[in-house]
Amino acid sequence: MSLSLFCIVVFAGLLHASWNAIVKRGRDTLLTTLLVTGSAALISALLLPFVPALDPRSWPWLAASTVLQAGYYVLVARTYRVTDMSASYPVMRGFAPLLVAAVGAKWLGEALPPLAWGGVGVVCLGILSMTHGIDRRHLALPLINAAVIATYTLVDATGARVSGSAPAYTLWLFLLSGLPLPLWALCTRAAQLRVYARNNWGYGVVGGVGTLVSYGLALWAMTLAPVAMVSALRETSILFGVLISAWVLRERVTRRRWLAAGLIVAGAVMLRLA
């Protein structure tokens, strides 16, 4: 993987951890998620006139991903309601690359060199090492979300590659997947949403930009490099998630999790050299 592509994917990881921290920091995780997804959808609508039209072959993949992404946002909000970000974020993001690597090799026919497989394995080992000591009662939602993440990653990688334009695919995805939850809230919690949006709209805009750019960069990278490598490298977001949890959210991060972060760095270096 080239140095420029490596840096872009790592930057995407930083943005991903940042918008997750915004959701966790909000007083109401579900409403904050709605503001983030709604902002991303609005930004996408404004930018769509400036990108090429999609190849029709990508529309079935886009439709499938829209459903998966909507479910993902709901699961993120529910997960952060019951557990710390430093505990649940590694579980969600750690199992996903393993599933992508295992299934993606057959799905997409991508053969990884041994060093790349080693890098994927070390990154995942580091991430999963952070799950030590987590209450098993809090593992169900993160594990379900990991499966959703792996599925939409493979679906979107396929869709972006046949779309003819990864940026256009990304904008359509965020427009379509970002609408259902805000529309549902307007029908069921309109008054509460208006008050919350008035006081927290900044979180929504910053988070919307973060999630849109983060995933757009990752999808673009997947059109140039093996999906398993990009998926694992993007999960260096765990490093940033740990730092944000400790320094911004003031959550307690154990020594074991810091050591696990070192493993993630080692895996990222292996992916860079592969």
C-alpha atoms as a PDB file:
ATOM      1  CA  MET A   1       0.000   0.000   0.000  1.00  0.00           C
ATOM      2  CA  SER A   2       1.378   3.403  -0.975  1.00  0.00           C
ATOM      3  CA  LEU A   3       2.213   5.950   1.716  1.00  0.00           C
ATOM      4  CA  SER A   4      -0.383   8.428   0.451  1.00  0.00           C
ATOM      5  CA  LEU A   5      -3.168   5.840   0.478  1.00  0.00           C
ATOM      6  CA  PHE A   6      -2.060   4.640   3.908  1.00  0.00           C
ATOM      7  CA  CYS A   7      -2.248   8.175   5.337  1.00  0.00           C
ATOM      8  CA  ILE A   8      -5.662   8.802   3.778  1.00  0.00           C
ATOM      9  CA  VAL A   9      -7.150   5.652   5.325  1.00  0.00           C
ATOM     10  CA  VAL A  10      -5.657   6.451   8.741  1.00  0.00           C
ATOM     11  CA  PHE A  11      -7.118   9.958   8.492  1.00  0.00           C
ATOM     12  CA  ALA A  12     -10.483   8.370   7.703  1.00  0.00           C
ATOM     13  CA  GLY A  13     -10.097   6.383  10.920  1.00  0.00           C
ATOM     14  CA  LEU A  14      -9.498   9.569  12.899  1.00  0.00           C
ATOM     15  CA  LEU A  15     -12.658  11.135  11.487  1.00  0.00           C
ATOM     16  CA  HIS A  16     -14.651   7.987  12.270  1.00  0.00           C
ATOM     17  CA  ALA A  17     -13.564   7.936  15.898  1.00  0.00           C
ATOM     18  CA  SER A  18     -14.378  11.629  16.184  1.00  0.00           C
ATOM     19  CA  TRP A  19     -17.994  11.368  15.065  1.00  0.00           C
ATOM     20  CA  ASN A  20     -18.529   8.367  17.328  1.00  0.00           C
ATOM     21  CA  ALA A  21     -17.239  10.470  20.225  1.00  0.00           C
ATOM     22  CA  ILE A  22     -19.728  13.188  19.310  1.00  0.00           C
ATOM     23  CA  VAL A  23     -22.572  10.668  19.540  1.00  0.00           C
ATOM     24  CA  LYS A  24     -21.298   9.364  22.874  1.00  0.00           C
ATOM     25  CA  ARG A  25     -20.896  12.865  24.299  1.00  0.00           C
ATOM     26  CA  GLY A  26     -24.409  13.988  23.364  1.00  0.00           C
ATOM     27  CA  ARG A  27     -27.022  14.088  26.130  1.00  0.00           C
ATOM     28  CA  ASP A  28     -29.309  11.851  24.037  1.00  0.00           C
ATOM     29  CA  THR A  29     -27.334   9.391  21.907  1.00  0.00           C
ATOM     30  CA  LEU A  30     -30.239   8.599  19.583  1.00  0.00           C
ATOM     31  CA  LEU A  31     -31.113  12.234  18.884  1.00  0.00           C
ATOM     32  CA  THR A  32     -27.442  13.100  18.411  1.00  0.00           C
ATOM     33  CA  THR A  33     -27.169  10.262  15.904  1.00  0.00           C
ATOM     34  CA  LEU A  34     -30.220  11.654  14.112  1.00  0.00           C
ATOM     35  CA  LEU A  35     -28.576  15.069  13.886  1.00  0.00           C
ATOM     36  CA  VAL A  36     -25.388  13.508  12.495  1.00  0.00           C
ATOM     37  CA  THR A  37     -27.162  11.391   9.884  1.00  0.00           C
ATOM     38  CA  GLY A  38     -29.541  14.186   8.950  1.00  0.00           C
ATOM     39  CA  SER A  39     -26.666  16.628   8.482  1.00  0.00           C
ATOM     40  CA  ALA A  40     -24.770  14.119   6.347  1.00  0.00           C
ATOM     41  CA  ALA A  41     -27.880  13.595   4.209  1.00  0.00           C
ATOM     42  CA  LEU A  42     -28.369  17.344   3.731  1.00  0.00           C
ATOM     43  CA  ILE A  43     -24.715  17.886   2.795  1.00  0.00           C
ATOM     44  CA  SER A  44     -24.938  14.976   0.338  1.00  0.00           C
ATOM     45  CA  ALA A  45     -28.037  16.445  -1.309  1.00  0.00           C
ATOM     46  CA  LEU A  46     -26.221  19.756  -1.807  1.00  0.00           C
ATOM     47  CA  LEU A  47     -23.176  18.079  -3.376  1.00  0.00           C
ATOM     48  CA  LEU A  48     -24.893  15.516  -5.617  1.00  0.00           C
ATOM     49  CA  PRO A  49     -25.395  17.907  -8.585  1.00  0.00           C
ATOM     50  CA  PHE A  50     -21.613  18.200  -8.859  1.00  0.00           C
ATOM     51  CA  VAL A  51     -20.745  14.490  -9.193  1.00  0.00           C
ATOM     52  CA  PRO A  52     -21.224  12.031 -12.097  1.00  0.00           C
ATOM     53  CA  ALA A  53     -24.294   9.833 -12.451  1.00  0.00           C
ATOM     54  CA  LEU A  54     -24.033   6.323 -11.009  1.00  0.00           C
ATOM     55  CA  ASP A  55     -23.725   3.226 -13.142  1.00  0.00           C
ATOM     56  CA  PRO A  56     -27.111   1.433 -12.805  1.00  0.00           C
ATOM     57  CA  ARG A  57     -25.317  -1.737 -11.725  1.00  0.00           C
ATOM     58  CA  SER A  58     -24.567  -0.122  -8.380  1.00  0.00           C
ATOM     59  CA  TRP A  59     -28.181   0.623  -7.420  1.00  0.00           C
ATOM     60  CA  PRO A  60     -29.013  -2.827  -5.954  1.00  0.00           C
ATOM     61  CA  TRP A  61     -25.915  -2.607  -3.762  1.00  0.00           C
ATOM     62  CA  LEU A  62     -26.865   0.926  -2.761  1.00  0.00           C
ATOM     63  CA  ALA A  63     -30.366  -0.184  -1.780  1.00  0.00           C
ATOM     64  CA  ALA A  64     -29.047  -3.045   0.356  1.00  0.00           C
ATOM     65  CA  SER A  65     -26.508  -0.808   2.065  1.00  0.00           C
ATOM     66  CA  THR A  66     -29.143   1.839   2.827  1.00  0.00           C
ATOM     67  CA  VAL A  67     -31.039  -0.663   4.972  1.00  0.00           C
ATOM     68  CA  LEU A  68     -27.865  -1.897   6.657  1.00  0.00           C
ATOM     69  CA  GLN A  69     -26.606   1.631   7.402  1.00  0.00           C
ATOM     70  CA  ALA A  70     -29.909   2.681   8.979  1.00  0.00           C
ATOM     71  CA  GLY A  71     -29.728  -0.350  11.274  1.00  0.00           C
ATOM     72  CA  TYR A  72     -26.112   0.457  12.083  1.00  0.00           C
ATOM     73  CA  TYR A  73     -26.943   3.980  13.257  1.00  0.00           C
ATOM     74  CA  VAL A  74     -29.687   2.687  15.556  1.00  0.00           C
ATOM     75  CA  LEU A  75     -27.342   0.077  17.031  1.00  0.00           C
ATOM     76  CA  VAL A  76     -24.603   2.680  17.609  1.00  0.00           C
ATOM     77  CA  ALA A  77     -26.998   4.882  19.561  1.00  0.00           C
ATOM     78  CA  ARG A  78     -28.326   1.989  21.656  1.00  0.00           C
ATOM     79  CA  THR A  79     -24.837   0.637  22.339  1.00  0.00           C
ATOM     80  CA  TYR A  80     -23.488   3.928  23.630  1.00  0.00           C
ATOM     81  CA  ARG A  81     -26.524   4.283  25.851  1.00  0.00           C
ATOM     82  CA  VAL A  82     -25.555   1.220  27.906  1.00  0.00           C
ATOM     83  CA  THR A  83     -21.739   1.109  27.843  1.00  0.00           C
ATOM     84  CA  ASP A  84     -18.608   3.252  27.596  1.00  0.00           C
ATOM     85  CA  MET A  85     -17.205   4.057  24.169  1.00  0.00           C
ATOM     86  CA  SER A  86     -13.790   2.691  25.211  1.00  0.00           C
ATOM     87  CA  ALA A  87     -15.427  -0.704  25.872  1.00  0.00           C
ATOM     88  CA  SER A  88     -17.937  -1.071  23.045  1.00  0.00           C
ATOM     89  CA  TYR A  89     -16.102   0.677  20.205  1.00  0.00           C
ATOM     90  CA  PRO A  90     -13.256  -1.916  20.074  1.00  0.00           C
ATOM     91  CA  VAL A  91     -15.749  -4.788  19.986  1.00  0.00           C
ATOM     92  CA  MET A  92     -17.767  -3.277  17.137  1.00  0.00           C
ATOM     93  CA  ARG A  93     -14.744  -2.375  15.067  1.00  0.00           C
ATOM     94  CA  GLY A  94     -12.537  -5.343  16.014  1.00  0.00           C
ATOM     95  CA  PHE A  95     -14.636  -8.233  14.785  1.00  0.00           C
ATOM     96  CA  ALA A  96     -15.641  -6.536  11.529  1.00  0.00           C
ATOM     97  CA  PRO A  97     -12.208  -6.729   9.783  1.00  0.00           C
ATOM     98  CA  LEU A  98     -11.927 -10.419  10.673  1.00  0.00           C
ATOM     99  CA  LEU A  99     -15.248 -11.096   8.996  1.00  0.00           C
ATOM    100  CA  VAL A 100     -14.353  -8.932   5.999  1.00  0.00           C
ATOM    101  CA  ALA A 101     -11.017 -10.703   5.550  1.00  0.00           C
ATOM    102  CA  ALA A 102     -12.569 -14.157   5.890  1.00  0.00           C
ATOM    103  CA  VAL A 103     -15.512 -13.564   3.567  1.00  0.00           C
ATOM    104  CA  GLY A 104     -14.007 -10.959   1.255  1.00  0.00           C
ATOM    105  CA  ALA A 105     -11.322 -13.264  -0.112  1.00  0.00           C
ATOM    106  CA  LYS A 106     -14.014 -15.445  -1.701  1.00  0.00           C
ATOM    107  CA  TRP A 107     -16.618 -12.733  -2.327  1.00  0.00           C
ATOM    108  CA  LEU A 108     -14.263 -10.364  -4.163  1.00  0.00           C
ATOM    109  CA  GLY A 109     -11.607 -12.852  -5.217  1.00  0.00           C
ATOM    110  CA  GLU A 110      -8.801 -10.834  -3.595  1.00  0.00           C
ATOM    111  CA  ALA A 111      -5.621 -12.677  -2.697  1.00  0.00           C
ATOM    112  CA  LEU A 112      -3.638 -10.968   0.062  1.00  0.00           C
ATOM    113  CA  PRO A 113       0.131 -11.396   0.486  1.00  0.00           C
ATOM    114  CA  PRO A 114       1.225 -13.121   3.718  1.00  0.00           C
ATOM    115  CA  LEU A 115       2.417  -9.858   5.298  1.00  0.00           C
ATOM    116  CA  ALA A 116      -0.997  -8.282   4.678  1.00  0.00           C
ATOM    117  CA  TRP A 117      -2.760 -11.243   6.323  1.00  0.00           C
ATOM    118  CA  GLY A 118      -0.386 -10.845   9.250  1.00  0.00           C
ATOM    119  CA  GLY A 119      -1.168  -7.134   9.474  1.00  0.00           C
ATOM    120  CA  VAL A 120      -4.912  -7.785   9.454  1.00  0.00           C
ATOM    121  CA  GLY A 121      -4.475 -10.411  12.155  1.00  0.00           C
ATOM    122  CA  VAL A 122      -2.320  -8.218  14.410  1.00  0.00           C
ATOM    123  CA  VAL A 123      -4.683  -5.241  14.096  1.00  0.00           C
ATOM    124  CA  CYS A 124      -7.656  -7.431  15.003  1.00  0.00           C
ATOM    125  CA  LEU A 125      -5.733  -9.052  17.867  1.00  0.00           C
ATOM    126  CA  GLY A 126      -4.920  -5.653  19.286  1.00  0.00           C
ATOM    127  CA  ILE A 127      -8.508  -4.477  18.982  1.00  0.00           C
ATOM    128  CA  LEU A 128      -9.970  -7.618  20.494  1.00  0.00           C
ATOM    129  CA  SER A 129      -7.461  -7.501  23.371  1.00  0.00           C
ATOM    130  CA  MET A 130      -9.286  -4.372  24.493  1.00  0.00           C
ATOM    131  CA  THR A 131     -12.446  -6.372  25.162  1.00  0.00           C
ATOM    132  CA  HIS A 132     -10.920  -8.046  28.243  1.00  0.00           C
ATOM    133  CA  GLY A 133     -12.975  -7.389  31.329  1.00  0.00           C
ATOM    134  CA  ILE A 134     -16.061  -6.128  29.532  1.00  0.00           C
ATOM    135  CA  ASP A 135     -19.345  -7.211  31.089  1.00  0.00           C
ATOM    136  CA  ARG A 136     -20.727  -9.995  28.896  1.00  0.00           C
ATOM    137  CA  ARG A 137     -24.183  -8.487  29.213  1.00  0.00           C
ATOM    138  CA  HIS A 138     -22.900  -5.562  27.151  1.00  0.00           C
ATOM    139  CA  LEU A 139     -21.378  -7.628  24.327  1.00  0.00           C
ATOM    140  CA  ALA A 140     -24.523  -8.512  22.372  1.00  0.00           C
ATOM    141  CA  LEU A 141     -25.154  -5.145  20.693  1.00  0.00           C
ATOM    142  CA  PRO A 142     -21.502  -4.499  19.735  1.00  0.00           C
ATOM    143  CA  LEU A 143     -21.184  -8.015  18.278  1.00  0.00           C
ATOM    144  CA  ILE A 144     -24.362  -7.630  16.243  1.00  0.00           C
ATOM    145  CA  ASN A 145     -23.119  -4.290  14.993  1.00  0.00           C
ATOM    146  CA  ALA A 146     -19.785  -5.849  14.010  1.00  0.00           C
ATOM    147  CA  ALA A 147     -21.639  -8.245  11.717  1.00  0.00           C
ATOM    148  CA  VAL A 148     -23.609  -5.335  10.244  1.00  0.00           C
ATOM    149  CA  ILE A 149     -20.381  -3.367   9.685  1.00  0.00           C
ATOM    150  CA  ALA A 150     -18.701  -6.279   7.912  1.00  0.00           C
ATOM    151  CA  THR A 151     -21.737  -6.837   5.705  1.00  0.00           C
ATOM    152  CA  TYR A 152     -22.177  -3.239   4.604  1.00  0.00           C
ATOM    153  CA  THR A 153     -18.404  -2.932   4.043  1.00  0.00           C
ATOM    154  CA  LEU A 154     -18.457  -5.763   1.508  1.00  0.00           C
ATOM    155  CA  VAL A 155     -21.692  -4.518  -0.062  1.00  0.00           C
ATOM    156  CA  ASP A 156     -20.381  -0.973  -0.415  1.00  0.00           C
ATOM    157  CA  ALA A 157     -16.985  -2.041  -1.705  1.00  0.00           C
ATOM    158  CA  THR A 158     -18.753  -3.941  -4.474  1.00  0.00           C
ATOM    159  CA  GLY A 159     -21.163  -1.094  -5.160  1.00  0.00           C
ATOM    160  CA  ALA A 160     -18.451   1.571  -5.254  1.00  0.00           C
ATOM    161  CA  ARG A 161     -16.338  -0.464  -7.672  1.00  0.00           C
ATOM    162  CA  VAL A 162     -19.151  -0.857 -10.199  1.00  0.00           C
ATOM    163  CA  SER A 163     -20.597   2.636  -9.690  1.00  0.00           C
ATOM    164  CA  GLY A 164     -18.068   4.463 -11.832  1.00  0.00           C
ATOM    165  CA  SER A 165     -17.631   7.100  -9.103  1.00  0.00           C
ATOM    166  CA  ALA A 166     -16.917   6.336  -5.450  1.00  0.00           C
ATOM    167  CA  PRO A 167     -17.724   9.940  -4.361  1.00  0.00           C
ATOM    168  CA  ALA A 168     -21.121   9.808  -6.112  1.00  0.00           C
ATOM    169  CA  TYR A 169     -21.884   6.412  -4.550  1.00  0.00           C
ATOM    170  CA  THR A 170     -20.965   7.789  -1.118  1.00  0.00           C
ATOM    171  CA  LEU A 171     -23.221  10.847  -1.463  1.00  0.00           C
ATOM    172  CA  TRP A 172     -26.206   8.793  -2.630  1.00  0.00           C
ATOM    173  CA  LEU A 173     -25.637   6.344   0.216  1.00  0.00           C
ATOM    174  CA  PHE A 174     -25.617   9.034   2.897  1.00  0.00           C
ATOM    175  CA  LEU A 175     -28.607  10.780   1.396  1.00  0.00           C
ATOM    176  CA  LEU A 176     -30.722   7.625   1.319  1.00  0.00           C
ATOM    177  CA  SER A 177     -29.527   6.103   4.603  1.00  0.00           C
ATOM    178  CA  GLY A 178     -29.606   9.414   6.454  1.00  0.00           C
ATOM    179  CA  LEU A 179     -33.273  10.181   5.809  1.00  0.00           C
ATOM    180  CA  PRO A 180     -35.253   7.348   7.498  1.00  0.00           C
ATOM    181  CA  LEU A 181     -34.250   8.065  11.108  1.00  0.00           C
ATOM    182  CA  PRO A 182     -34.830  11.856  11.046  1.00  0.00           C
ATOM    183  CA  LEU A 183     -38.168  11.344   9.277  1.00  0.00           C
ATOM    184  CA  TRP A 184     -39.171   8.786  11.910  1.00  0.00           C
ATOM    185  CA  ALA A 185     -38.214  11.224  14.665  1.00  0.00           C
ATOM    186  CA  LEU A 186     -40.208  14.032  13.048  1.00  0.00           C
ATOM    187  CA  CYS A 187     -43.268  11.785  13.093  1.00  0.00           C
ATOM    188  CA  THR A 188     -42.831  10.486  16.648  1.00  0.00           C
ATOM    189  CA  ARG A 189     -40.691  12.968  18.610  1.00  0.00           C
ATOM    190  CA  ALA A 190     -40.956  16.203  16.624  1.00  0.00           C
ATOM    191  CA  ALA A 191     -41.124  18.628  19.555  1.00  0.00           C
ATOM    192  CA  GLN A 192     -38.251  16.955  21.389  1.00  0.00           C
ATOM    193  CA  LEU A 193     -36.154  16.797  18.213  1.00  0.00           C
ATOM    194  CA  ARG A 194     -36.684  20.519  17.486  1.00  0.00           C
ATOM    195  CA  VAL A 195     -35.574  21.531  20.984  1.00  0.00           C
ATOM    196  CA  TYR A 196     -32.586  19.189  20.913  1.00  0.00           C
ATOM    197  CA  ALA A 197     -31.550  20.304  17.426  1.00  0.00           C
ATOM    198  CA  ARG A 198     -31.749  23.974  18.429  1.00  0.00           C
ATOM    199  CA  ASN A 199     -29.270  23.395  21.254  1.00  0.00           C
ATOM    200  CA  ASN A 200     -27.015  20.775  19.624  1.00  0.00           C
ATOM    201  CA  TRP A 201     -27.049  21.453  15.872  1.00  0.00           C
ATOM    202  CA  GLY A 202     -23.274  22.034  15.894  1.00  0.00           C
ATOM    203  CA  TYR A 203     -22.653  18.451  16.969  1.00  0.00           C
ATOM    204  CA  GLY A 204     -24.788  17.270  14.080  1.00  0.00           C
ATOM    205  CA  VAL A 205     -22.958  19.320  11.447  1.00  0.00           C
ATOM    206  CA  VAL A 206     -19.473  18.391  12.651  1.00  0.00           C
ATOM    207  CA  GLY A 207     -20.432  14.734  13.025  1.00  0.00           C
ATOM    208  CA  GLY A 208     -22.151  14.716   9.636  1.00  0.00           C
ATOM    209  CA  VAL A 209     -19.050  16.044   7.890  1.00  0.00           C
ATOM    210  CA  GLY A 210     -16.906  13.566   9.807  1.00  0.00           C
ATOM    211  CA  THR A 211     -18.904  10.471   8.927  1.00  0.00           C
ATOM    212  CA  LEU A 212     -19.388  11.515   5.294  1.00  0.00           C
ATOM    213  CA  VAL A 213     -15.732  12.250   4.602  1.00  0.00           C
ATOM    214  CA  SER A 214     -14.496   9.278   6.625  1.00  0.00           C
ATOM    215  CA  TYR A 215     -16.551   6.683   4.776  1.00  0.00           C
ATOM    216  CA  GLY A 216     -16.086   8.395   1.417  1.00  0.00           C
ATOM    217  CA  LEU A 217     -12.308   8.171   1.752  1.00  0.00           C
ATOM    218  CA  ALA A 218     -12.518   4.525   2.819  1.00  0.00           C
ATOM    219  CA  LEU A 219     -14.726   3.591  -0.142  1.00  0.00           C
ATOM    220  CA  TRP A 220     -12.452   5.407  -2.547  1.00  0.00           C
ATOM    221  CA  ALA A 221      -9.482   3.513  -1.085  1.00  0.00           C
ATOM    222  CA  MET A 222     -11.338   0.223  -1.549  1.00  0.00           C
ATOM    223  CA  THR A 223     -11.474   0.871  -5.292  1.00  0.00           C
ATOM    224  CA  LEU A 224      -7.663   0.997  -5.314  1.00  0.00           C
ATOM    225  CA  ALA A 225      -6.588  -1.577  -2.712  1.00  0.00           C
ATOM    226  CA  PRO A 226      -7.852  -4.906  -1.293  1.00  0.00           C
ATOM    227  CA  VAL A 227     -10.927  -4.392   0.872  1.00  0.00           C
ATOM    228  CA  ALA A 228      -9.575  -6.477   3.768  1.00  0.00           C
ATOM    229  CA  MET A 229      -6.461  -4.292   4.008  1.00  0.00           C
ATOM    230  CA  VAL A 230      -8.420  -1.027   3.909  1.00  0.00           C
ATOM    231  CA  SER A 231     -11.006  -2.329   6.383  1.00  0.00           C
ATOM    232  CA  ALA A 232      -8.352  -3.383   8.894  1.00  0.00           C
ATOM    233  CA  LEU A 233      -6.276  -0.232   8.480  1.00  0.00           C
ATOM    234  CA  ARG A 234      -9.331   1.980   8.912  1.00  0.00           C
ATOM    235  CA  GLU A 235      -9.810   0.375  12.300  1.00  0.00           C
ATOM    236  CA  THR A 236      -6.785   2.287  13.519  1.00  0.00           C
ATOM    237  CA  SER A 237      -9.707   4.512  14.465  1.00  0.00           C
ATOM    238  CA  ILE A 238      -9.567   2.441  17.667  1.00  0.00           C
ATOM    239  CA  LEU A 239      -6.341   4.254  18.586  1.00  0.00           C
ATOM    240  CA  PHE A 240      -8.027   7.597  18.204  1.00  0.00           C
ATOM    241  CA  GLY A 241     -11.108   6.265  19.972  1.00  0.00           C
ATOM    242  CA  VAL A 242      -9.010   5.297  23.002  1.00  0.00           C
ATOM    243  CA  LEU A 243      -7.303   8.699  23.059  1.00  0.00           C
ATOM    244  CA  ILE A 244     -10.630  10.520  22.771  1.00  0.00           C
ATOM    245  CA  SER A 245     -12.169   8.308  25.456  1.00  0.00           C
ATOM    246  CA  ALA A 246      -9.332   9.090  27.862  1.00  0.00           C
ATOM    247  CA  TRP A 247      -8.685  12.773  27.173  1.00  0.00           C
ATOM    248  CA  VAL A 248     -12.026  14.126  26.001  1.00  0.00           C
ATOM    249  CA  LEU A 249     -14.718  11.864  27.460  1.00  0.00           C
ATOM    250  CA  ARG A 250     -12.697  11.297  30.664  1.00  0.00           C
ATOM    251  CA  GLU A 251     -13.317   7.549  30.630  1.00  0.00           C
ATOM    252  CA  ARG A 252     -10.890   5.236  32.414  1.00  0.00           C
ATOM    253  CA  VAL A 253      -8.630   3.405  29.965  1.00  0.00           C
ATOM    254  CA  THR A 254      -6.660   0.496  31.448  1.00  0.00           C
ATOM    255  CA  ARG A 255      -3.013  -0.320  30.845  1.00  0.00           C
ATOM    256  CA  ARG A 256      -4.086  -3.436  28.968  1.00  0.00           C
ATOM    257  CA  ARG A 257      -5.943  -1.291  26.437  1.00  0.00           C
ATOM    258  CA  TRP A 258      -2.922   0.938  25.934  1.00  0.00           C
ATOM    259  CA  LEU A 259      -0.795  -2.176  25.261  1.00  0.00           C
ATOM    260  CA  ALA A 260      -3.445  -3.397  22.839  1.00  0.00           C
ATOM    261  CA  ALA A 261      -3.212  -0.045  21.076  1.00  0.00           C
ATOM    262  CA  GLY A 262       0.474  -0.786  20.535  1.00  0.00           C
ATOM    263  CA  LEU A 263      -0.469  -4.003  18.747  1.00  0.00           C
ATOM    264  CA  ILE A 264      -2.768  -2.036  16.452  1.00  0.00           C
ATOM    265  CA  VAL A 265       0.117   0.272  15.558  1.00  0.00           C
ATOM    266  CA  ALA A 266       2.306  -2.751  14.776  1.00  0.00           C
ATOM    267  CA  GLY A 267      -0.416  -4.213  12.549  1.00  0.00           C
ATOM    268  CA  ALA A 268      -0.807  -0.903  10.746  1.00  0.00           C
ATOM    269  CA  VAL A 269       2.926  -0.828  10.025  1.00  0.00           C
ATOM    270  CA  MET A 270       2.698  -4.349   8.564  1.00  0.00           C
ATOM    271  CA  LEU A 271      -0.178  -3.253   6.310  1.00  0.00           C
ATOM    272  CA  ARG A 272       1.842  -0.261   5.181  1.00  0.00           C
ATOM    273  CA  LEU A 273       4.758  -2.517   4.216  1.00  0.00           C
ATOM    274  CA  ALA A 274       2.614  -5.198   2.515  1.00  0.00           C
END
